[in-house]
Amino acid sequence: MTTPIRVLICDDQVLVRTGLSTIVDAQPDLEVVGECGDGQTAVDLAGRLLPDVVVMDIRMPVLDGIEATRLLAGAGVRQPAKVLVVTTFNLDEYVYTALRAGASGFLLKDAPPSQLLHGIRTVASGAALLDPEVTRRLVGRYAARIRPSDSTEPDSPLTPREQEVLRLIADGLSNNEIAATLVISRETVKTFVSRILTKLGLRDRVQAVVYAYRHGLVS
């Protein structure tokens, strides 16, 4: 029997937390190993319980979800956790900051249960989760802030084709959609994505999107 994906739920609203836990625990391949209502407790519990995925709200008392994410998955963390941020549209800026802090992806709080479950499984597998429409709105809105305007960036190590793939990633396209757009195979796209992440020293597609905007590859 396959070991269930262990999930820690962090949200300061009891009803939301209970609802998320109920949805997750109803799945045979998922297991809620802990719940909490503030960021500091999330960090403490994650250290003790070692969940596969932390579902993290942003606005929480004691320590907010952004700082908690940075402590769990930020630069320099020896064993970074996989954090899935849940938020609402009016917290776009906070979501961007959370992604910079090390989150593996984000979902909207009003997403259907199927999307939440897909998101947890996706992040647990080591992939990043980006909602294409929200990604374009989120990163596009803060592109001017993301991209440094007073510094000269070194020449990109990417080939023109790799830059083209990176632009499509930044537009929120999936591997299948990129393959269809460029008329190449899905396996070829996966190879391009792997090369891009390796060349740029990036962890996942979330960081690739941020990189693309920071370096002016998309606007």
C-alpha atoms as a PDB file:
ATOM      1  CA  MET A   1       0.000   0.000   0.000  1.00  0.00           C
ATOM      2  CA  THR A   2       1.333   3.467  -0.931  1.00  0.00           C
ATOM      3  CA  THR A   3       2.204   5.740   1.975  1.00  0.00           C
ATOM      4  CA  PRO A   4      -0.241   8.673   2.106  1.00  0.00           C
ATOM      5  CA  ILE A   5       0.962  12.216   1.429  1.00  0.00           C
ATOM      6  CA  ARG A   6       1.277  13.890   4.831  1.00  0.00           C
ATOM      7  CA  VAL A   7      -0.306  17.345   4.967  1.00  0.00           C
ATOM      8  CA  LEU A   8      -0.122  20.144   7.539  1.00  0.00           C
ATOM      9  CA  ILE A   9      -3.005  22.653   7.364  1.00  0.00           C
ATOM     10  CA  CYS A  10      -2.308  26.223   8.556  1.00  0.00           C
ATOM     11  CA  ASP A  11      -5.139  28.774   8.591  1.00  0.00           C
ATOM     12  CA  ASP A  12      -6.310  31.090  11.368  1.00  0.00           C
ATOM     13  CA  GLN A  13      -9.989  30.649  10.487  1.00  0.00           C
ATOM     14  CA  VAL A  14     -11.279  27.560  12.243  1.00  0.00           C
ATOM     15  CA  LEU A  15     -14.057  26.884   9.736  1.00  0.00           C
ATOM     16  CA  VAL A  16     -11.677  27.155   6.783  1.00  0.00           C
ATOM     17  CA  ARG A  17      -9.102  24.968   8.515  1.00  0.00           C
ATOM     18  CA  THR A  18     -11.696  22.354   9.380  1.00  0.00           C
ATOM     19  CA  GLY A  19     -13.094  22.380   5.858  1.00  0.00           C
ATOM     20  CA  LEU A  20      -9.655  21.935   4.293  1.00  0.00           C
ATOM     21  CA  SER A  21      -8.817  19.121   6.684  1.00  0.00           C
ATOM     22  CA  THR A  22     -12.096  17.334   5.988  1.00  0.00           C
ATOM     23  CA  ILE A  23     -11.534  17.503   2.220  1.00  0.00           C
ATOM     24  CA  VAL A  24      -7.950  16.268   2.478  1.00  0.00           C
ATOM     25  CA  ASP A  25      -8.595  13.502   5.003  1.00  0.00           C
ATOM     26  CA  ALA A  26     -11.367  12.058   2.832  1.00  0.00           C
ATOM     27  CA  GLN A  27      -8.771  11.043   0.224  1.00  0.00           C
ATOM     28  CA  PRO A  28      -7.143   7.607   0.543  1.00  0.00           C
ATOM     29  CA  ASP A  29      -3.769   8.936  -0.621  1.00  0.00           C
ATOM     30  CA  LEU A  30      -3.709  11.999   1.659  1.00  0.00           C
ATOM     31  CA  GLU A  31      -3.467  12.362   5.423  1.00  0.00           C
ATOM     32  CA  VAL A  32      -3.733  15.453   7.630  1.00  0.00           C
ATOM     33  CA  VAL A  33      -1.000  15.136  10.247  1.00  0.00           C
ATOM     34  CA  GLY A  34      -1.586  18.475  11.940  1.00  0.00           C
ATOM     35  CA  GLU A  35      -3.525  21.730  12.037  1.00  0.00           C
ATOM     36  CA  CYS A  36      -2.689  25.173  13.372  1.00  0.00           C
ATOM     37  CA  GLY A  37      -3.843  28.780  13.292  1.00  0.00           C
ATOM     38  CA  ASP A  38      -0.630  30.824  13.246  1.00  0.00           C
ATOM     39  CA  GLY A  39       2.665  30.878  11.382  1.00  0.00           C
ATOM     40  CA  GLN A  40       4.946  30.204  14.319  1.00  0.00           C
ATOM     41  CA  THR A  41       3.042  27.066  15.259  1.00  0.00           C
ATOM     42  CA  ALA A  42       3.204  26.042  11.593  1.00  0.00           C
ATOM     43  CA  VAL A  43       6.994  26.273  11.667  1.00  0.00           C
ATOM     44  CA  ASP A  44       7.193  24.365  14.959  1.00  0.00           C
ATOM     45  CA  LEU A  45       4.803  21.624  13.841  1.00  0.00           C
ATOM     46  CA  ALA A  46       6.503  21.233  10.465  1.00  0.00           C
ATOM     47  CA  GLY A  47       9.811  20.714  12.249  1.00  0.00           C
ATOM     48  CA  ARG A  48       8.328  17.960  14.399  1.00  0.00           C
ATOM     49  CA  LEU A  49       5.880  16.295  12.006  1.00  0.00           C
ATOM     50  CA  LEU A  50       7.892  16.607   8.758  1.00  0.00           C
ATOM     51  CA  PRO A  51       4.815  16.859   6.477  1.00  0.00           C
ATOM     52  CA  ASP A  52       5.144  16.323   2.733  1.00  0.00           C
ATOM     53  CA  VAL A  53       3.138  19.488   2.040  1.00  0.00           C
ATOM     54  CA  VAL A  54       2.258  22.512   4.158  1.00  0.00           C
ATOM     55  CA  VAL A  55      -0.972  24.255   3.114  1.00  0.00           C
ATOM     56  CA  MET A  56      -0.348  27.838   4.261  1.00  0.00           C
ATOM     57  CA  ASP A  57      -2.632  30.819   4.673  1.00  0.00           C
ATOM     58  CA  ILE A  58      -0.974  34.246   4.473  1.00  0.00           C
ATOM     59  CA  ARG A  59      -2.662  36.476   7.028  1.00  0.00           C
ATOM     60  CA  MET A  60      -2.202  34.780  10.382  1.00  0.00           C
ATOM     61  CA  PRO A  61      -1.351  35.997  13.888  1.00  0.00           C
ATOM     62  CA  VAL A  62       1.981  35.681  15.734  1.00  0.00           C
ATOM     63  CA  LEU A  63       3.874  35.008  12.497  1.00  0.00           C
ATOM     64  CA  ASP A  64       2.285  35.532   9.082  1.00  0.00           C
ATOM     65  CA  GLY A  65       2.343  32.956   6.325  1.00  0.00           C
ATOM     66  CA  ILE A  66       5.048  34.761   4.355  1.00  0.00           C
ATOM     67  CA  GLU A  67       7.581  34.700   7.183  1.00  0.00           C
ATOM     68  CA  ALA A  68       6.579  31.154   8.061  1.00  0.00           C
ATOM     69  CA  THR A  69       7.142  30.135   4.439  1.00  0.00           C
ATOM     70  CA  ARG A  70      10.563  31.818   4.421  1.00  0.00           C
ATOM     71  CA  LEU A  71      11.556  29.911   7.559  1.00  0.00           C
ATOM     72  CA  LEU A  72      10.284  26.635   6.110  1.00  0.00           C
ATOM     73  CA  ALA A  73      11.359  26.911   2.482  1.00  0.00           C
ATOM     74  CA  GLY A  74      13.486  30.012   1.989  1.00  0.00           C
ATOM     75  CA  ALA A  75      17.079  30.386   0.884  1.00  0.00           C
ATOM     76  CA  GLY A  76      19.488  28.650   3.212  1.00  0.00           C
ATOM     77  CA  VAL A  77      16.970  26.230   4.697  1.00  0.00           C
ATOM     78  CA  ARG A  78      18.748  22.883   4.867  1.00  0.00           C
ATOM     79  CA  GLN A  79      15.680  20.735   4.264  1.00  0.00           C
ATOM     80  CA  PRO A  80      13.085  23.060   2.708  1.00  0.00           C
ATOM     81  CA  ALA A  81       9.437  22.159   3.102  1.00  0.00           C
ATOM     82  CA  LYS A  82       7.002  22.161   0.199  1.00  0.00           C
ATOM     83  CA  VAL A  83       4.561  24.998   0.853  1.00  0.00           C
ATOM     84  CA  LEU A  84       1.283  25.510  -0.990  1.00  0.00           C
ATOM     85  CA  VAL A  85      -0.085  28.990  -0.316  1.00  0.00           C
ATOM     86  CA  VAL A  86      -3.845  29.550  -0.280  1.00  0.00           C
ATOM     87  CA  THR A  87      -5.119  33.083  -0.685  1.00  0.00           C
ATOM     88  CA  THR A  88      -7.771  35.404  -2.098  1.00  0.00           C
ATOM     89  CA  PHE A  89      -7.568  37.713  -5.103  1.00  0.00           C
ATOM     90  CA  ASN A  90      -7.107  40.825  -2.993  1.00  0.00           C
ATOM     91  CA  LEU A  91      -3.859  39.452  -1.544  1.00  0.00           C
ATOM     92  CA  ASP A  92      -1.981  39.263  -4.842  1.00  0.00           C
ATOM     93  CA  GLU A  93       1.036  41.176  -3.578  1.00  0.00           C
ATOM     94  CA  TYR A  94       1.355  38.933  -0.557  1.00  0.00           C
ATOM     95  CA  VAL A  95       1.240  35.856  -2.769  1.00  0.00           C
ATOM     96  CA  TYR A  96       4.085  37.160  -4.914  1.00  0.00           C
ATOM     97  CA  THR A  97       6.132  37.783  -1.782  1.00  0.00           C
ATOM     98  CA  ALA A  98       5.338  34.287  -0.546  1.00  0.00           C
ATOM     99  CA  LEU A  99       6.521  32.769  -3.834  1.00  0.00           C
ATOM    100  CA  ARG A 100       9.757  34.732  -3.497  1.00  0.00           C
ATOM    101  CA  ALA A 101       9.994  33.383   0.058  1.00  0.00           C
ATOM    102  CA  GLY A 102      10.069  29.811  -1.241  1.00  0.00           C
ATOM    103  CA  ALA A 103       6.487  28.639  -1.705  1.00  0.00           C
ATOM    104  CA  SER A 104       6.019  25.954  -4.352  1.00  0.00           C
ATOM    105  CA  GLY A 105       2.739  27.381  -5.593  1.00  0.00           C
ATOM    106  CA  PHE A 106      -0.573  28.935  -4.718  1.00  0.00           C
ATOM    107  CA  LEU A 107      -4.302  28.435  -4.988  1.00  0.00           C
ATOM    108  CA  LEU A 108      -7.288  30.663  -4.421  1.00  0.00           C
ATOM    109  CA  LYS A 109      -9.366  29.950  -1.355  1.00  0.00           C
ATOM    110  CA  ASP A 110     -12.512  29.662  -3.456  1.00  0.00           C
ATOM    111  CA  ALA A 111     -10.984  27.008  -5.716  1.00  0.00           C
ATOM    112  CA  PRO A 112     -13.047  23.805  -5.905  1.00  0.00           C
ATOM    113  CA  PRO A 113     -11.916  20.877  -3.739  1.00  0.00           C
ATOM    114  CA  SER A 114     -10.610  19.038  -6.795  1.00  0.00           C
ATOM    115  CA  GLN A 115      -8.107  21.842  -7.448  1.00  0.00           C
ATOM    116  CA  LEU A 116      -6.941  21.828  -3.839  1.00  0.00           C
ATOM    117  CA  LEU A 117      -6.353  18.081  -3.949  1.00  0.00           C
ATOM    118  CA  HIS A 118      -4.599  18.338  -7.314  1.00  0.00           C
ATOM    119  CA  GLY A 119      -2.466  21.151  -5.924  1.00  0.00           C
ATOM    120  CA  ILE A 120      -1.363  19.154  -2.896  1.00  0.00           C
ATOM    121  CA  ARG A 121      -0.471  16.142  -5.024  1.00  0.00           C
ATOM    122  CA  THR A 122       1.361  18.304  -7.552  1.00  0.00           C
ATOM    123  CA  VAL A 123       3.458  20.097  -4.942  1.00  0.00           C
ATOM    124  CA  ALA A 124       4.143  16.813  -3.124  1.00  0.00           C
ATOM    125  CA  SER A 125       5.527  15.367  -6.356  1.00  0.00           C
ATOM    126  CA  GLY A 126       8.132  18.121  -6.471  1.00  0.00           C
ATOM    127  CA  ALA A 127       6.456  20.184  -9.190  1.00  0.00           C
ATOM    128  CA  ALA A 128       5.329  23.773  -8.856  1.00  0.00           C
ATOM    129  CA  LEU A 129       1.675  24.748  -9.017  1.00  0.00           C
ATOM    130  CA  LEU A 130       0.750  27.900 -10.902  1.00  0.00           C
ATOM    131  CA  ASP A 131      -2.740  28.920 -11.892  1.00  0.00           C
ATOM    132  CA  PRO A 132      -2.063  30.412 -15.367  1.00  0.00           C
ATOM    133  CA  GLU A 133      -4.636  33.219 -15.228  1.00  0.00           C
ATOM    134  CA  VAL A 134      -3.761  34.247 -11.703  1.00  0.00           C
ATOM    135  CA  THR A 135      -0.035  33.968 -12.421  1.00  0.00           C
ATOM    136  CA  ARG A 136      -0.274  36.422 -15.307  1.00  0.00           C
ATOM    137  CA  ARG A 137      -2.322  38.815 -13.199  1.00  0.00           C
ATOM    138  CA  LEU A 138      -0.120  38.432 -10.154  1.00  0.00           C
ATOM    139  CA  VAL A 139       3.356  38.696 -11.623  1.00  0.00           C
ATOM    140  CA  GLY A 140       2.303  41.037 -14.427  1.00  0.00           C
ATOM    141  CA  ARG A 141       0.891  43.524 -11.944  1.00  0.00           C
ATOM    142  CA  TYR A 142       4.168  43.685 -10.058  1.00  0.00           C
ATOM    143  CA  ALA A 143       6.498  43.342 -13.050  1.00  0.00           C
ATOM    144  CA  ALA A 144       7.868  46.868 -12.647  1.00  0.00           C
ATOM    145  CA  ARG A 145       8.730  46.138  -9.036  1.00  0.00           C
ATOM    146  CA  ILE A 146      10.135  42.707  -9.821  1.00  0.00           C
ATOM    147  CA  ARG A 147      12.418  43.849 -12.620  1.00  0.00           C
ATOM    148  CA  PRO A 148      15.430  45.918 -11.519  1.00  0.00           C
ATOM    149  CA  SER A 149      15.532  49.151 -13.510  1.00  0.00           C
ATOM    150  CA  ASP A 150      18.905  50.504 -12.415  1.00  0.00           C
ATOM    151  CA  SER A 151      21.188  47.538 -12.999  1.00  0.00           C
ATOM    152  CA  THR A 152      22.729  45.872 -16.018  1.00  0.00           C
ATOM    153  CA  GLU A 153      21.952  42.195 -16.225  1.00  0.00           C
ATOM    154  CA  PRO A 154      24.572  39.798 -17.623  1.00  0.00           C
ATOM    155  CA  ASP A 155      23.916  38.087 -20.947  1.00  0.00           C
ATOM    156  CA  SER A 156      21.430  35.260 -20.573  1.00  0.00           C
ATOM    157  CA  PRO A 157      22.942  31.761 -20.558  1.00  0.00           C
ATOM    158  CA  LEU A 158      19.828  30.539 -22.361  1.00  0.00           C
ATOM    159  CA  THR A 159      19.612  29.840 -26.061  1.00  0.00           C
ATOM    160  CA  PRO A 160      16.945  31.742 -28.037  1.00  0.00           C
ATOM    161  CA  ARG A 161      14.745  28.625 -28.030  1.00  0.00           C
ATOM    162  CA  GLU A 162      15.129  28.226 -24.266  1.00  0.00           C
ATOM    163  CA  GLN A 163      14.208  31.888 -23.796  1.00  0.00           C
ATOM    164  CA  GLU A 164      11.118  31.277 -25.913  1.00  0.00           C
ATOM    165  CA  VAL A 165      10.116  28.348 -23.695  1.00  0.00           C
ATOM    166  CA  LEU A 166      10.768  30.449 -20.581  1.00  0.00           C
ATOM    167  CA  ARG A 167       8.472  33.188 -21.891  1.00  0.00           C
ATOM    168  CA  LEU A 168       5.702  30.630 -22.371  1.00  0.00           C
ATOM    169  CA  ILE A 169       6.280  29.286 -18.848  1.00  0.00           C
ATOM    170  CA  ALA A 170       5.944  32.857 -17.576  1.00  0.00           C
ATOM    171  CA  ASP A 171       2.649  33.128 -19.462  1.00  0.00           C
ATOM    172  CA  GLY A 172       1.414  30.208 -17.361  1.00  0.00           C
ATOM    173  CA  LEU A 173       1.333  27.586 -20.108  1.00  0.00           C
ATOM    174  CA  SER A 174       1.592  23.918 -19.191  1.00  0.00           C
ATOM    175  CA  ASN A 175       4.081  21.581 -20.884  1.00  0.00           C
ATOM    176  CA  ASN A 176       1.323  20.293 -23.164  1.00  0.00           C
ATOM    177  CA  GLU A 177       0.320  23.838 -24.137  1.00  0.00           C
ATOM    178  CA  ILE A 178       3.943  24.813 -24.800  1.00  0.00           C
ATOM    179  CA  ALA A 179       4.372  21.714 -26.945  1.00  0.00           C
ATOM    180  CA  ALA A 180       1.288  22.630 -28.979  1.00  0.00           C
ATOM    181  CA  THR A 181       2.391  26.257 -29.351  1.00  0.00           C
ATOM    182  CA  LEU A 182       5.902  25.402 -30.536  1.00  0.00           C
ATOM    183  CA  VAL A 183       4.839  22.246 -32.414  1.00  0.00           C
ATOM    184  CA  ILE A 184       7.272  20.033 -30.538  1.00  0.00           C
ATOM    185  CA  SER A 185       6.809  16.971 -28.324  1.00  0.00           C
ATOM    186  CA  ARG A 186       5.973  17.134 -24.637  1.00  0.00           C
ATOM    187  CA  GLU A 187       9.205  15.271 -23.853  1.00  0.00           C
ATOM    188  CA  THR A 188      11.181  17.930 -25.721  1.00  0.00           C
ATOM    189  CA  VAL A 189       9.460  20.614 -23.655  1.00  0.00           C
ATOM    190  CA  LYS A 190      10.346  18.769 -20.453  1.00  0.00           C
ATOM    191  CA  THR A 191      13.973  18.664 -21.585  1.00  0.00           C
ATOM    192  CA  PHE A 192      13.935  22.416 -22.293  1.00  0.00           C
ATOM    193  CA  VAL A 193      12.373  23.156 -18.899  1.00  0.00           C
ATOM    194  CA  SER A 194      14.971  21.006 -17.126  1.00  0.00           C
ATOM    195  CA  ARG A 195      17.802  22.773 -18.960  1.00  0.00           C
ATOM    196  CA  ILE A 196      16.383  26.193 -18.145  1.00  0.00           C
ATOM    197  CA  LEU A 197      16.097  25.439 -14.436  1.00  0.00           C
ATOM    198  CA  THR A 198      19.594  23.929 -14.346  1.00  0.00           C
ATOM    199  CA  LYS A 199      21.273  26.761 -16.261  1.00  0.00           C
ATOM    200  CA  LEU A 200      19.630  29.449 -14.156  1.00  0.00           C
ATOM    201  CA  GLY A 201      19.995  27.601 -10.850  1.00  0.00           C
ATOM    202  CA  LEU A 202      16.249  27.701 -10.235  1.00  0.00           C
ATOM    203  CA  ARG A 203      14.252  25.256  -8.148  1.00  0.00           C
ATOM    204  CA  ASP A 204      10.982  25.154 -10.066  1.00  0.00           C
ATOM    205  CA  ARG A 205       8.624  26.875 -12.496  1.00  0.00           C
ATOM    206  CA  VAL A 206       7.571  29.425  -9.889  1.00  0.00           C
ATOM    207  CA  GLN A 207      11.116  30.742  -9.681  1.00  0.00           C
ATOM    208  CA  ALA A 208      11.343  30.603 -13.483  1.00  0.00           C
ATOM    209  CA  VAL A 209       8.352  32.947 -13.779  1.00  0.00           C
ATOM    210  CA  VAL A 210       9.901  35.410 -11.347  1.00  0.00           C
ATOM    211  CA  TYR A 211      13.225  35.213 -13.219  1.00  0.00           C
ATOM    212  CA  ALA A 212      11.519  35.932 -16.544  1.00  0.00           C
ATOM    213  CA  TYR A 213       9.937  39.112 -15.205  1.00  0.00           C
ATOM    214  CA  ARG A 214      13.024  40.229 -13.305  1.00  0.00           C
ATOM    215  CA  HIS A 215      15.130  39.992 -16.458  1.00  0.00           C
ATOM    216  CA  GLY A 216      12.647  41.599 -18.797  1.00  0.00           C
ATOM    217  CA  LEU A 217      11.919  38.505 -20.895  1.00  0.00           C
ATOM    218  CA  VAL A 218       8.206  39.217 -20.519  1.00  0.00           C
ATOM    219  CA  SER A 219       6.254  42.333 -19.638  1.00  0.00           C
END
